[in-house]
């Protein structure tokens, strides 16, 4: 009797594979809020949009500006993001580091591998 693969199996396999790469030495782990911030920066990049520190501060659901500044400082120290200058020297644009982009590449490979195994 063969076990049929369900869509949930692909996702669960992906989670398993992605947890394995988190254990590999690369970038320090992120806290849950930092993960959410990283996703927002990645979405903006994917959509070819700019996301400034001020834009992020406007997302009240993420917490207070002081807390967000602390998270951004932590993420910069861990090597996940950097702040780039804009036309206005007072505004800083949030960008992913090359190491963060490589992390997303690894996650993509995990997803492809999980999907292949299910088919």
PDB file of N, CA and C in Angstrom:
ATOM      1  N   UNK A   1       0.835  -1.170   0.000  1.00  0.00           N
ATOM      2  CA  UNK A   1       0.000   0.000   0.000  1.00  0.00           C
ATOM      3  C   UNK A   1       0.887   1.243   0.000  1.00  0.00           C
ATOM      4  N   UNK A   2       0.765   2.052  -1.048  1.00  0.00           N
ATOM      5  CA  UNK A   2       1.611   3.234  -1.132  1.00  0.00           C
ATOM      6  C   UNK A   2       0.938   4.419  -0.456  1.00  0.00           C
ATOM      7  N   UNK A   3       1.744   5.188   0.154  1.00  0.00           N
ATOM      8  CA  UNK A   3       1.237   6.374   0.847  1.00  0.00           C
ATOM      9  C   UNK A   3       1.108   7.496  -0.178  1.00  0.00           C
ATOM     10  N   UNK A   4      -0.080   8.059  -0.299  1.00  0.00           N
ATOM     11  CA  UNK A   4      -0.300   9.153  -1.241  1.00  0.00           C
ATOM     12  C   UNK A   4       0.160  10.457  -0.617  1.00  0.00           C
ATOM     13  N   UNK A   5       0.801  11.245  -1.436  1.00  0.00           N
ATOM     14  CA  UNK A   5       1.284  12.541  -0.975  1.00  0.00           C
ATOM     15  C   UNK A   5       0.164  13.574  -1.048  1.00  0.00           C
ATOM     16  N   UNK A   6       0.049  14.364  -0.002  1.00  0.00           N
ATOM     17  CA  UNK A   6      -0.934  15.441   0.055  1.00  0.00           C
ATOM     18  C   UNK A   6      -0.201  16.775  -0.021  1.00  0.00           C
ATOM     19  N   UNK A   7      -0.900  17.847  -0.419  1.00  0.00           N
ATOM     20  CA  UNK A   7      -0.244  19.162  -0.455  1.00  0.00           C
ATOM     21  C   UNK A   7       0.418  19.533   0.875  1.00  0.00           C
ATOM     22  N   UNK A   8      -0.206  19.156   1.972  1.00  0.00           N
ATOM     23  CA  UNK A   8       0.379  19.465   3.283  1.00  0.00           C
ATOM     24  C   UNK A   8       1.725  18.776   3.465  1.00  0.00           C
ATOM     25  N   UNK A   9       1.896  17.608   2.841  1.00  0.00           N
ATOM     26  CA  UNK A   9       3.166  16.894   2.950  1.00  0.00           C
ATOM     27  C   UNK A   9       4.307  17.699   2.331  1.00  0.00           C
ATOM     28  N   UNK A  10       4.021  18.388   1.222  1.00  0.00           N
ATOM     29  CA  UNK A  10       5.038  19.222   0.583  1.00  0.00           C
ATOM     30  C   UNK A  10       5.459  20.334   1.535  1.00  0.00           C
ATOM     31  N   UNK A  11       4.472  20.976   2.136  1.00  0.00           N
ATOM     32  CA  UNK A  11       4.782  22.068   3.047  1.00  0.00           C
ATOM     33  C   UNK A  11       5.575  21.567   4.258  1.00  0.00           C
ATOM     34  N   UNK A  12       5.154  20.468   4.810  1.00  0.00           N
ATOM     35  CA  UNK A  12       5.848  19.927   5.981  1.00  0.00           C
ATOM     36  C   UNK A  12       7.271  19.506   5.632  1.00  0.00           C
ATOM     37  N   UNK A  13       7.466  18.958   4.445  1.00  0.00           N
ATOM     38  CA  UNK A  13       8.822  18.592   3.999  1.00  0.00           C
ATOM     39  C   UNK A  13       9.659  19.866   3.836  1.00  0.00           C
ATOM     40  N   UNK A  14       9.045  20.901   3.290  1.00  0.00           N
ATOM     41  CA  UNK A  14       9.747  22.181   3.150  1.00  0.00           C
ATOM     42  C   UNK A  14      10.187  22.710   4.514  1.00  0.00           C
ATOM     43  N   UNK A  15       9.286  22.668   5.489  1.00  0.00           N
ATOM     44  CA  UNK A  15       9.623  23.126   6.846  1.00  0.00           C
ATOM     45  C   UNK A  15      10.811  22.337   7.383  1.00  0.00           C
ATOM     46  N   UNK A  16      10.783  21.029   7.197  1.00  0.00           N
ATOM     47  CA  UNK A  16      11.869  20.169   7.671  1.00  0.00           C
ATOM     48  C   UNK A  16      13.193  20.556   7.005  1.00  0.00           C
ATOM     49  N   UNK A  17      13.171  20.750   5.698  1.00  0.00           N
ATOM     50  CA  UNK A  17      14.392  21.121   4.985  1.00  0.00           C
ATOM     51  C   UNK A  17      14.879  22.513   5.371  1.00  0.00           C
ATOM     52  N   UNK A  18      13.943  23.442   5.537  1.00  0.00           N
ATOM     53  CA  UNK A  18      14.347  24.802   5.893  1.00  0.00           C
ATOM     54  C   UNK A  18      14.922  24.860   7.306  1.00  0.00           C
ATOM     55  N   UNK A  19      14.412  24.027   8.194  1.00  0.00           N
ATOM     56  CA  UNK A  19      14.986  23.967   9.551  1.00  0.00           C
ATOM     57  C   UNK A  19      16.420  23.444   9.498  1.00  0.00           C
ATOM     58  N   UNK A  20      16.678  22.538   8.585  1.00  0.00           N
ATOM     59  CA  UNK A  20      18.030  21.988   8.453  1.00  0.00           C
ATOM     60  C   UNK A  20      19.017  23.073   8.013  1.00  0.00           C
ATOM     61  N   UNK A  21      18.598  23.961   7.097  1.00  0.00           N
ATOM     62  CA  UNK A  21      19.543  25.000   6.676  1.00  0.00           C
ATOM     63  C   UNK A  21      19.707  26.076   7.740  1.00  0.00           C
ATOM     64  N   UNK A  22      18.723  26.231   8.606  1.00  0.00           N
ATOM     65  CA  UNK A  22      18.865  27.200   9.697  1.00  0.00           C
ATOM     66  C   UNK A  22      19.971  26.775  10.662  1.00  0.00           C
ATOM     67  N   UNK A  23      20.217  25.484  10.733  1.00  0.00           N
ATOM     68  CA  UNK A  23      21.262  24.983  11.610  1.00  0.00           C
ATOM     69  C   UNK A  23      22.656  25.119  11.032  1.00  0.00           C
ATOM     70  N   UNK A  24      22.732  25.442   9.739  1.00  0.00           N
ATOM     71  CA  UNK A  24      24.036  25.594   9.085  1.00  0.00           C
ATOM     72  C   UNK A  24      24.598  26.973   9.405  1.00  0.00           C
ATOM     73  N   UNK A  25      25.897  27.060   9.572  1.00  0.00           N
ATOM     74  CA  UNK A  25      26.484  28.362   9.889  1.00  0.00           C
ATOM     75  C   UNK A  25      26.355  29.325   8.710  1.00  0.00           C
ATOM     76  N   UNK A  26      25.693  30.412   8.926  1.00  0.00           N
ATOM     77  CA  UNK A  26      25.602  31.477   7.933  1.00  0.00           C
ATOM     78  C   UNK A  26      25.287  32.763   8.674  1.00  0.00           C
ATOM     79  N   UNK A  27      24.021  33.083   8.804  1.00  0.00           N
ATOM     80  CA  UNK A  27      23.618  34.284   9.527  1.00  0.00           C
ATOM     81  C   UNK A  27      23.008  33.905  10.872  1.00  0.00           C
ATOM     82  N   UNK A  28      23.182  34.758  11.868  1.00  0.00           N
ATOM     83  CA  UNK A  28      22.548  34.486  13.165  1.00  0.00           C
ATOM     84  C   UNK A  28      21.027  34.431  13.028  1.00  0.00           C
ATOM     85  N   UNK A  29      20.373  33.630  13.853  1.00  0.00           N
ATOM     86  CA  UNK A  29      18.907  33.518  13.769  1.00  0.00           C
ATOM     87  C   UNK A  29      18.204  34.826  14.117  1.00  0.00           C
ATOM     88  N   UNK A  30      17.002  34.948  13.589  1.00  0.00           N
ATOM     89  CA  UNK A  30      16.174  36.124  13.838  1.00  0.00           C
ATOM     90  C   UNK A  30      15.066  35.798  14.823  1.00  0.00           C
ATOM     91  N   UNK A  31      14.640  36.816  15.556  1.00  0.00           N
ATOM     92  CA  UNK A  31      13.470  36.686  16.419  1.00  0.00           C
ATOM     93  C   UNK A  31      12.227  36.773  15.529  1.00  0.00           C
ATOM     94  N   UNK A  32      11.062  36.333  16.005  1.00  0.00           N
ATOM     95  CA  UNK A  32       9.855  36.351  15.164  1.00  0.00           C
ATOM     96  C   UNK A  32       9.530  37.720  14.541  1.00  0.00           C
ATOM     97  N   UNK A  33       9.649  38.798  15.303  1.00  0.00           N
ATOM     98  CA  UNK A  33       9.379  40.122  14.738  1.00  0.00           C
ATOM     99  C   UNK A  33      10.401  40.457  13.652  1.00  0.00           C
ATOM    100  N   UNK A  34      11.643  40.080  13.874  1.00  0.00           N
ATOM    101  CA  UNK A  34      12.671  40.325  12.870  1.00  0.00           C
ATOM    102  C   UNK A  34      12.383  39.529  11.594  1.00  0.00           C
ATOM    103  N   UNK A  35      11.883  38.312  11.742  1.00  0.00           N
ATOM    104  CA  UNK A  35      11.491  37.499  10.574  1.00  0.00           C
ATOM    105  C   UNK A  35      10.410  38.233   9.787  1.00  0.00           C
ATOM    106  N   UNK A  36       9.432  38.797  10.497  1.00  0.00           N
ATOM    107  CA  UNK A  36       8.342  39.519   9.831  1.00  0.00           C
ATOM    108  C   UNK A  36       8.875  40.749   9.107  1.00  0.00           C
ATOM    109  N   UNK A  37       9.777  41.472   9.729  1.00  0.00           N
ATOM    110  CA  UNK A  37      10.387  42.641   9.100  1.00  0.00           C
ATOM    111  C   UNK A  37      11.161  42.215   7.859  1.00  0.00           C
ATOM    112  N   UNK A  38      11.909  41.132   7.968  1.00  0.00           N
ATOM    113  CA  UNK A  38      12.669  40.625   6.829  1.00  0.00           C
ATOM    114  C   UNK A  38      11.740  40.294   5.664  1.00  0.00           C
ATOM    115  N   UNK A  39      10.605  39.677   5.963  1.00  0.00           N
ATOM    116  CA  UNK A  39       9.625  39.369   4.916  1.00  0.00           C
ATOM    117  C   UNK A  39       9.119  40.638   4.248  1.00  0.00           C
ATOM    118  N   UNK A  40       8.825  41.661   5.027  1.00  0.00           N
ATOM    119  CA  UNK A  40       8.333  42.919   4.459  1.00  0.00           C
ATOM    120  C   UNK A  40       9.375  43.547   3.539  1.00  0.00           C
ATOM    121  N   UNK A  41      10.629  43.508   3.947  1.00  0.00           N
ATOM    122  CA  UNK A  41      11.699  44.060   3.117  1.00  0.00           C
ATOM    123  C   UNK A  41      11.837  43.231   1.833  1.00  0.00           C
ATOM    124  N   UNK A  42      11.759  41.917   1.960  1.00  0.00           N
ATOM    125  CA  UNK A  42      11.867  41.040   0.794  1.00  0.00           C
ATOM    126  C   UNK A  42      10.691  41.243  -0.160  1.00  0.00           C
ATOM    127  N   UNK A  43       9.463  41.380   0.372  1.00  0.00           N
ATOM    128  CA  UNK A  43       8.292  41.628  -0.479  1.00  0.00           C
ATOM    129  C   UNK A  43       8.456  42.936  -1.251  1.00  0.00           C
ATOM    130  N   UNK A  44       8.907  43.974  -0.559  1.00  0.00           N
ATOM    131  CA  UNK A  44       9.106  45.266  -1.219  1.00  0.00           C
ATOM    132  C   UNK A  44      10.134  45.121  -2.342  1.00  0.00           C
ATOM    133  N   UNK A  45      11.211  44.409  -2.069  1.00  0.00           N
ATOM    134  CA  UNK A  45      12.244  44.191  -3.090  1.00  0.00           C
ATOM    135  C   UNK A  45      11.674  43.428  -4.271  1.00  0.00           C
ATOM    136  N   UNK A  46      10.923  42.384  -3.988  1.00  0.00           N
ATOM    137  CA  UNK A  46      10.326  41.554  -5.031  1.00  0.00           C
ATOM    138  C   UNK A  46       9.392  42.374  -5.925  1.00  0.00           C
ATOM    139  N   UNK A  47       8.678  43.318  -5.322  1.00  0.00           N
ATOM    140  CA  UNK A  47       7.744  44.171  -6.061  1.00  0.00           C
ATOM    141  C   UNK A  47       8.401  45.432  -6.610  1.00  0.00           C
ATOM    142  N   UNK A  48       9.737  45.497  -6.486  1.00  0.00           N
ATOM    143  CA  UNK A  48      10.518  46.642  -6.952  1.00  0.00           C
ATOM    144  C   UNK A  48      10.026  47.949  -6.337  1.00  0.00           C
ATOM    145  N   UNK A  49       9.700  47.873  -5.052  1.00  0.00           N
ATOM    146  CA  UNK A  49       9.264  49.037  -4.291  1.00  0.00           C
ATOM    147  C   UNK A  49      10.336  49.395  -3.274  1.00  0.00           C
ATOM    148  N   UNK A  50      10.336  50.634  -2.874  1.00  0.00           N
ATOM    149  CA  UNK A  50      11.239  51.067  -1.815  1.00  0.00           C
ATOM    150  C   UNK A  50      10.533  50.924  -0.479  1.00  0.00           C
ATOM    151  N   UNK A  51      11.264  50.522   0.505  1.00  0.00           N
ATOM    152  CA  UNK A  51      10.736  50.477   1.869  1.00  0.00           C
ATOM    153  C   UNK A  51      11.739  51.211   2.744  1.00  0.00           C
ATOM    154  N   UNK A  52      11.312  52.337   3.261  1.00  0.00           N
ATOM    155  CA  UNK A  52      12.198  53.129   4.112  1.00  0.00           C
ATOM    156  C   UNK A  52      11.936  52.797   5.578  1.00  0.00           C
ATOM    157  N   UNK A  53      12.833  53.238   6.416  1.00  0.00           N
ATOM    158  CA  UNK A  53      12.647  53.071   7.855  1.00  0.00           C
ATOM    159  C   UNK A  53      11.349  53.768   8.268  1.00  0.00           C
ATOM    160  N   UNK A  54      11.092  54.940   7.715  1.00  0.00           N
ATOM    161  CA  UNK A  54       9.868  55.684   8.036  1.00  0.00           C
ATOM    162  C   UNK A  54       8.623  54.894   7.624  1.00  0.00           C
ATOM    163  N   UNK A  55       8.668  54.253   6.444  1.00  0.00           N
ATOM    164  CA  UNK A  55       7.539  53.424   6.000  1.00  0.00           C
ATOM    165  C   UNK A  55       7.279  52.294   6.997  1.00  0.00           C
ATOM    166  N   UNK A  56       8.347  51.687   7.458  1.00  0.00           N
ATOM    167  CA  UNK A  56       8.211  50.584   8.415  1.00  0.00           C
ATOM    168  C   UNK A  56       7.618  51.078   9.731  1.00  0.00           C
ATOM    169  N   UNK A  57       8.050  52.250  10.163  1.00  0.00           N
ATOM    170  CA  UNK A  57       7.533  52.827  11.410  1.00  0.00           C
ATOM    171  C   UNK A  57       6.030  53.092  11.311  1.00  0.00           C
ATOM    172  N   UNK A  58       5.532  53.292  10.103  1.00  0.00           N
ATOM    173  CA  UNK A  58       4.116  53.542   9.900  1.00  0.00           C
ATOM    174  C   UNK A  58       3.253  52.298  10.054  1.00  0.00           C
ATOM    175  N   UNK A  59       3.857  51.154  10.124  1.00  0.00           N
ATOM    176  CA  UNK A  59       3.120  49.895  10.292  1.00  0.00           C
ATOM    177  C   UNK A  59       2.957  49.633  11.789  1.00  0.00           C
ATOM    178  N   UNK A  60       1.935  50.209  12.345  1.00  0.00           N
ATOM    179  CA  UNK A  60       1.697  50.174  13.800  1.00  0.00           C
ATOM    180  C   UNK A  60       1.566  48.755  14.343  1.00  0.00           C
ATOM    181  N   UNK A  61       1.103  47.827  13.505  1.00  0.00           N
ATOM    182  CA  UNK A  61       0.932  46.446  13.974  1.00  0.00           C
ATOM    183  C   UNK A  61       2.262  45.787  14.343  1.00  0.00           C
ATOM    184  N   UNK A  62       3.379  46.397  13.922  1.00  0.00           N
ATOM    185  CA  UNK A  62       4.692  45.837  14.239  1.00  0.00           C
ATOM    186  C   UNK A  62       5.212  46.272  15.600  1.00  0.00           C
ATOM    187  N   UNK A  63       4.631  47.319  16.150  1.00  0.00           N
ATOM    188  CA  UNK A  63       5.063  47.780  17.461  1.00  0.00           C
ATOM    189  C   UNK A  63       5.488  49.229  17.438  1.00  0.00           C
ATOM    190  N   UNK A  64       6.060  49.647  18.524  1.00  0.00           N
ATOM    191  CA  UNK A  64       6.447  51.049  18.675  1.00  0.00           C
ATOM    192  C   UNK A  64       7.683  51.364  17.831  1.00  0.00           C
ATOM    193  N   UNK A  65       7.845  52.631  17.452  1.00  0.00           N
ATOM    194  CA  UNK A  65       9.046  53.015  16.707  1.00  0.00           C
ATOM    195  C   UNK A  65      10.342  52.675  17.442  1.00  0.00           C
ATOM    196  N   UNK A  66      10.360  52.855  18.749  1.00  0.00           N
ATOM    197  CA  UNK A  66      11.575  52.536  19.511  1.00  0.00           C
ATOM    198  C   UNK A  66      11.905  51.048  19.406  1.00  0.00           C
ATOM    199  N   UNK A  67      10.885  50.208  19.516  1.00  0.00           N
ATOM    200  CA  UNK A  67      11.124  48.767  19.424  1.00  0.00           C
ATOM    201  C   UNK A  67      11.594  48.397  18.019  1.00  0.00           C
ATOM    202  N   UNK A  68      10.961  48.995  17.006  1.00  0.00           N
ATOM    203  CA  UNK A  68      11.357  48.697  15.635  1.00  0.00           C
ATOM    204  C   UNK A  68      12.783  49.149  15.351  1.00  0.00           C
ATOM    205  N   UNK A  69      13.160  50.304  15.860  1.00  0.00           N
ATOM    206  CA  UNK A  69      14.549  50.744  15.696  1.00  0.00           C
ATOM    207  C   UNK A  69      15.509  49.738  16.317  1.00  0.00           C
ATOM    208  N   UNK A  70      15.139  49.213  17.473  1.00  0.00           N
ATOM    209  CA  UNK A  70      15.976  48.200  18.124  1.00  0.00           C
ATOM    210  C   UNK A  70      16.093  46.934  17.295  1.00  0.00           C
ATOM    211  N   UNK A  71      14.991  46.505  16.703  1.00  0.00           N
ATOM    212  CA  UNK A  71      15.006  45.301  15.855  1.00  0.00           C
ATOM    213  C   UNK A  71      15.851  45.538  14.601  1.00  0.00           C
ATOM    214  N   UNK A  72      15.702  46.721  13.998  1.00  0.00           N
ATOM    215  CA  UNK A  72      16.498  47.034  12.802  1.00  0.00           C
ATOM    216  C   UNK A  72      17.991  47.065  13.128  1.00  0.00           C
ATOM    217  N   UNK A  73      18.316  47.628  14.277  1.00  0.00           N
ATOM    218  CA  UNK A  73      19.723  47.663  14.712  1.00  0.00           C
ATOM    219  C   UNK A  73      20.247  46.245  14.895  1.00  0.00           C
ATOM    220  N   UNK A  74      19.437  45.388  15.500  1.00  0.00           N
ATOM    221  CA  UNK A  74      19.816  43.994  15.705  1.00  0.00           C
ATOM    222  C   UNK A  74      20.003  43.270  14.367  1.00  0.00           C
ATOM    223  N   UNK A  75      19.072  43.492  13.444  1.00  0.00           N
ATOM    224  CA  UNK A  75      19.145  42.823  12.141  1.00  0.00           C
ATOM    225  C   UNK A  75      20.366  43.284  11.345  1.00  0.00           C
ATOM    226  N   UNK A  76      20.719  44.546  11.483  1.00  0.00           N
ATOM    227  CA  UNK A  76      21.939  45.048  10.820  1.00  0.00           C
ATOM    228  C   UNK A  76      23.168  44.395  11.432  1.00  0.00           C
ATOM    229  N   UNK A  77      23.201  44.305  12.749  1.00  0.00           N
ATOM    230  CA  UNK A  77      24.351  43.699  13.434  1.00  0.00           C
ATOM    231  C   UNK A  77      24.494  42.218  13.073  1.00  0.00           C
ATOM    232  N   UNK A  78      23.370  41.549  12.853  1.00  0.00           N
ATOM    233  CA  UNK A  78      23.387  40.125  12.489  1.00  0.00           C
ATOM    234  C   UNK A  78      23.720  39.910  11.009  1.00  0.00           C
ATOM    235  N   UNK A  79      23.703  40.981  10.225  1.00  0.00           N
ATOM    236  CA  UNK A  79      24.071  40.872   8.815  1.00  0.00           C
ATOM    237  C   UNK A  79      22.930  40.596   7.852  1.00  0.00           C
ATOM    238  N   UNK A  80      21.698  40.780   8.288  1.00  0.00           N
ATOM    239  CA  UNK A  80      20.539  40.501   7.444  1.00  0.00           C
ATOM    240  C   UNK A  80      20.147  41.673   6.548  1.00  0.00           C
ATOM    241  N   UNK A  81      20.262  42.887   7.066  1.00  0.00           N
ATOM    242  CA  UNK A  81      19.822  44.068   6.321  1.00  0.00           C
ATOM    243  C   UNK A  81      20.880  45.154   6.372  1.00  0.00           C
ATOM    244  N   UNK A  82      20.692  46.124   5.480  1.00  0.00           N
ATOM    245  CA  UNK A  82      21.501  47.330   5.545  1.00  0.00           C
ATOM    246  C   UNK A  82      20.625  48.517   5.223  1.00  0.00           C
ATOM    247  N   UNK A  83      21.103  49.686   5.589  1.00  0.00           N
ATOM    248  CA  UNK A  83      20.383  50.923   5.340  1.00  0.00           C
ATOM    249  C   UNK A  83      21.105  51.667   4.226  1.00  0.00           C
ATOM    250  N   UNK A  84      20.358  51.990   3.177  1.00  0.00           N
ATOM    251  CA  UNK A  84      20.934  52.699   2.038  1.00  0.00           C
ATOM    252  C   UNK A  84      20.428  54.131   2.024  1.00  0.00           C
ATOM    253  N   UNK A  85      21.269  55.031   1.555  1.00  0.00           N
ATOM    254  CA  UNK A  85      20.879  56.433   1.433  1.00  0.00           C
ATOM    255  C   UNK A  85      19.859  56.598   0.314  1.00  0.00           C
ATOM    256  N   UNK A  86      19.037  57.616   0.456  1.00  0.00           N
ATOM    257  CA  UNK A  86      18.079  58.002  -0.580  1.00  0.00           C
ATOM    258  C   UNK A  86      18.382  59.449  -0.981  1.00  0.00           C
ATOM    259  N   UNK A  87      17.524  60.015  -1.835  1.00  0.00           N
ATOM    260  CA  UNK A  87      17.705  61.412  -2.238  1.00  0.00           C
ATOM    261  C   UNK A  87      17.662  62.335  -1.024  1.00  0.00           C
ATOM    262  N   UNK A  88      16.853  61.972  -0.047  1.00  0.00           N
ATOM    263  CA  UNK A  88      16.728  62.731   1.191  1.00  0.00           C
ATOM    264  C   UNK A  88      17.630  62.072   2.233  1.00  0.00           C
ATOM    265  N   UNK A  89      18.669  62.761   2.645  1.00  0.00           N
ATOM    266  CA  UNK A  89      19.652  62.188   3.566  1.00  0.00           C
ATOM    267  C   UNK A  89      19.039  61.747   4.892  1.00  0.00           C
ATOM    268  N   UNK A  90      17.848  62.275   5.204  1.00  0.00           N
ATOM    269  CA  UNK A  90      17.199  61.903   6.457  1.00  0.00           C
ATOM    270  C   UNK A  90      16.448  60.575   6.344  1.00  0.00           C
ATOM    271  N   UNK A  91      16.168  60.134   5.132  1.00  0.00           N
ATOM    272  CA  UNK A  91      15.429  58.879   4.911  1.00  0.00           C
ATOM    273  C   UNK A  91      16.414  57.784   4.519  1.00  0.00           C
ATOM    274  N   UNK A  92      16.264  56.637   5.144  1.00  0.00           N
ATOM    275  CA  UNK A  92      17.101  55.481   4.831  1.00  0.00           C
ATOM    276  C   UNK A  92      16.224  54.383   4.269  1.00  0.00           C
ATOM    277  N   UNK A  93      16.693  53.776   3.210  1.00  0.00           N
ATOM    278  CA  UNK A  93      15.966  52.680   2.580  1.00  0.00           C
ATOM    279  C   UNK A  93      16.480  51.359   3.146  1.00  0.00           C
ATOM    280  N   UNK A  94      15.541  50.445   3.436  1.00  0.00           N
ATOM    281  CA  UNK A  94      15.899  49.126   3.952  1.00  0.00           C
ATOM    282  C   UNK A  94      16.193  48.195   2.787  1.00  0.00           C
ATOM    283  N   UNK A  95      17.305  47.500   2.871  1.00  0.00           N
ATOM    284  CA  UNK A  95      17.696  46.560   1.823  1.00  0.00           C
ATOM    285  C   UNK A  95      18.211  45.275   2.446  1.00  0.00           C
ATOM    286  N   UNK A  96      18.088  44.192   1.684  1.00  0.00           N
ATOM    287  CA  UNK A  96      18.630  42.906   2.110  1.00  0.00           C
ATOM    288  C   UNK A  96      20.115  42.857   1.789  1.00  0.00           C
ATOM    289  N   UNK A  97      20.871  42.224   2.651  1.00  0.00           N
ATOM    290  CA  UNK A  97      22.286  42.017   2.363  1.00  0.00           C
ATOM    291  C   UNK A  97      22.422  40.863   1.374  1.00  0.00           C
ATOM    292  N   UNK A  98      23.605  40.720   0.820  1.00  0.00           N
ATOM    293  CA  UNK A  98      23.866  39.596  -0.079  1.00  0.00           C
ATOM    294  C   UNK A  98      23.679  38.277   0.667  1.00  0.00           C
ATOM    295  N   UNK A  99      24.070  38.227   1.924  1.00  0.00           N
ATOM    296  CA  UNK A  99      23.904  37.003   2.723  1.00  0.00           C
ATOM    297  C   UNK A  99      22.420  36.669   2.903  1.00  0.00           C
ATOM    298  N   UNK A 100      21.572  37.678   3.086  1.00  0.00           N
ATOM    299  CA  UNK A 100      20.129  37.441   3.220  1.00  0.00           C
ATOM    300  C   UNK A 100      19.552  36.917   1.907  1.00  0.00           C
ATOM    301  N   UNK A 101      20.004  37.475   0.794  1.00  0.00           N
ATOM    302  CA  UNK A 101      19.543  36.991  -0.514  1.00  0.00           C
ATOM    303  C   UNK A 101      19.957  35.528  -0.730  1.00  0.00           C
ATOM    304  N   UNK A 102      21.159  35.190  -0.308  1.00  0.00           N
ATOM    305  CA  UNK A 102      21.605  33.786  -0.409  1.00  0.00           C
ATOM    306  C   UNK A 102      20.746  32.878   0.458  1.00  0.00           C
ATOM    307  N   UNK A 103      20.332  33.375   1.610  1.00  0.00           N
ATOM    308  CA  UNK A 103      19.445  32.610   2.490  1.00  0.00           C
ATOM    309  C   UNK A 103      18.123  32.317   1.777  1.00  0.00           C
ATOM    310  N   UNK A 104      17.563  33.317   1.121  1.00  0.00           N
ATOM    311  CA  UNK A 104      16.320  33.104   0.373  1.00  0.00           C
ATOM    312  C   UNK A 104      16.534  32.131  -0.785  1.00  0.00           C
ATOM    313  N   UNK A 105      17.706  32.189  -1.410  1.00  0.00           N
ATOM    314  CA  UNK A 105      18.022  31.212  -2.468  1.00  0.00           C
ATOM    315  C   UNK A 105      18.005  29.789  -1.909  1.00  0.00           C
ATOM    316  N   UNK A 106      18.590  29.619  -0.732  1.00  0.00           N
ATOM    317  CA  UNK A 106      18.608  28.293  -0.094  1.00  0.00           C
ATOM    318  C   UNK A 106      17.187  27.826   0.236  1.00  0.00           C
ATOM    319  N   UNK A 107      16.366  28.746   0.747  1.00  0.00           N
ATOM    320  CA  UNK A 107      14.973  28.391   1.047  1.00  0.00           C
ATOM    321  C   UNK A 107      14.227  27.991  -0.224  1.00  0.00           C
ATOM    322  N   UNK A 108      14.492  28.686  -1.313  1.00  0.00           N
ATOM    323  CA  UNK A 108      13.848  28.339  -2.591  1.00  0.00           C
ATOM    324  C   UNK A 108      14.231  26.932  -3.024  1.00  0.00           C
ATOM    325  N   UNK A 109      15.493  26.592  -2.854  1.00  0.00           N
ATOM    326  CA  UNK A 109      15.947  25.239  -3.205  1.00  0.00           C
ATOM    327  C   UNK A 109      15.256  24.195  -2.336  1.00  0.00           C
ATOM    328  N   UNK A 110      15.044  24.514  -1.079  1.00  0.00           N
ATOM    329  CA  UNK A 110      14.327  23.600  -0.178  1.00  0.00           C
ATOM    330  C   UNK A 110      12.901  23.378  -0.673  1.00  0.00           C
ATOM    331  N   UNK A 111      12.263  24.446  -1.097  1.00  0.00           N
ATOM    332  CA  UNK A 111      10.891  24.341  -1.579  1.00  0.00           C
ATOM    333  C   UNK A 111      10.818  23.490  -2.845  1.00  0.00           C
ATOM    334  N   UNK A 112      11.736  23.719  -3.763  1.00  0.00           N
ATOM    335  CA  UNK A 112      11.773  22.919  -4.997  1.00  0.00           C
ATOM    336  C   UNK A 112      12.031  21.455  -4.667  1.00  0.00           C
ATOM    337  N   UNK A 113      12.968  21.206  -3.759  1.00  0.00           N
ATOM    338  CA  UNK A 113      13.278  19.818  -3.369  1.00  0.00           C
ATOM    339  C   UNK A 113      12.074  19.147  -2.724  1.00  0.00           C
ATOM    340  N   UNK A 114      11.371  19.863  -1.864  1.00  0.00           N
ATOM    341  CA  UNK A 114      10.189  19.304  -1.206  1.00  0.00           C
ATOM    342  C   UNK A 114       9.107  18.971  -2.235  1.00  0.00           C
ATOM    343  N   UNK A 115       8.923  19.858  -3.206  1.00  0.00           N
ATOM    344  CA  UNK A 115       7.903  19.636  -4.235  1.00  0.00           C
ATOM    345  C   UNK A 115       8.268  18.456  -5.131  1.00  0.00           C
ATOM    346  N   UNK A 116       9.547  18.322  -5.463  1.00  0.00           N
ATOM    347  CA  UNK A 116       9.978  17.196  -6.301  1.00  0.00           C
ATOM    348  C   UNK A 116       9.770  15.867  -5.610  1.00  0.00           C
ATOM    349  N   UNK A 117      10.078  15.842  -4.323  1.00  0.00           N
ATOM    350  CA  UNK A 117       9.929  14.599  -3.577  1.00  0.00           C
ATOM    351  C   UNK A 117       8.463  14.154  -3.528  1.00  0.00           C
ATOM    352  N   UNK A 118       7.556  15.122  -3.523  1.00  0.00           N
ATOM    353  CA  UNK A 118       6.131  14.801  -3.438  1.00  0.00           C
ATOM    354  C   UNK A 118       5.577  14.288  -4.766  1.00  0.00           C
ATOM    355  N   UNK A 119       6.241  14.616  -5.866  1.00  0.00           N
ATOM    356  CA  UNK A 119       5.694  14.194  -7.148  1.00  0.00           C
ATOM    357  C   UNK A 119       6.185  12.842  -7.600  1.00  0.00           C
TER     358      UNK A 119
END
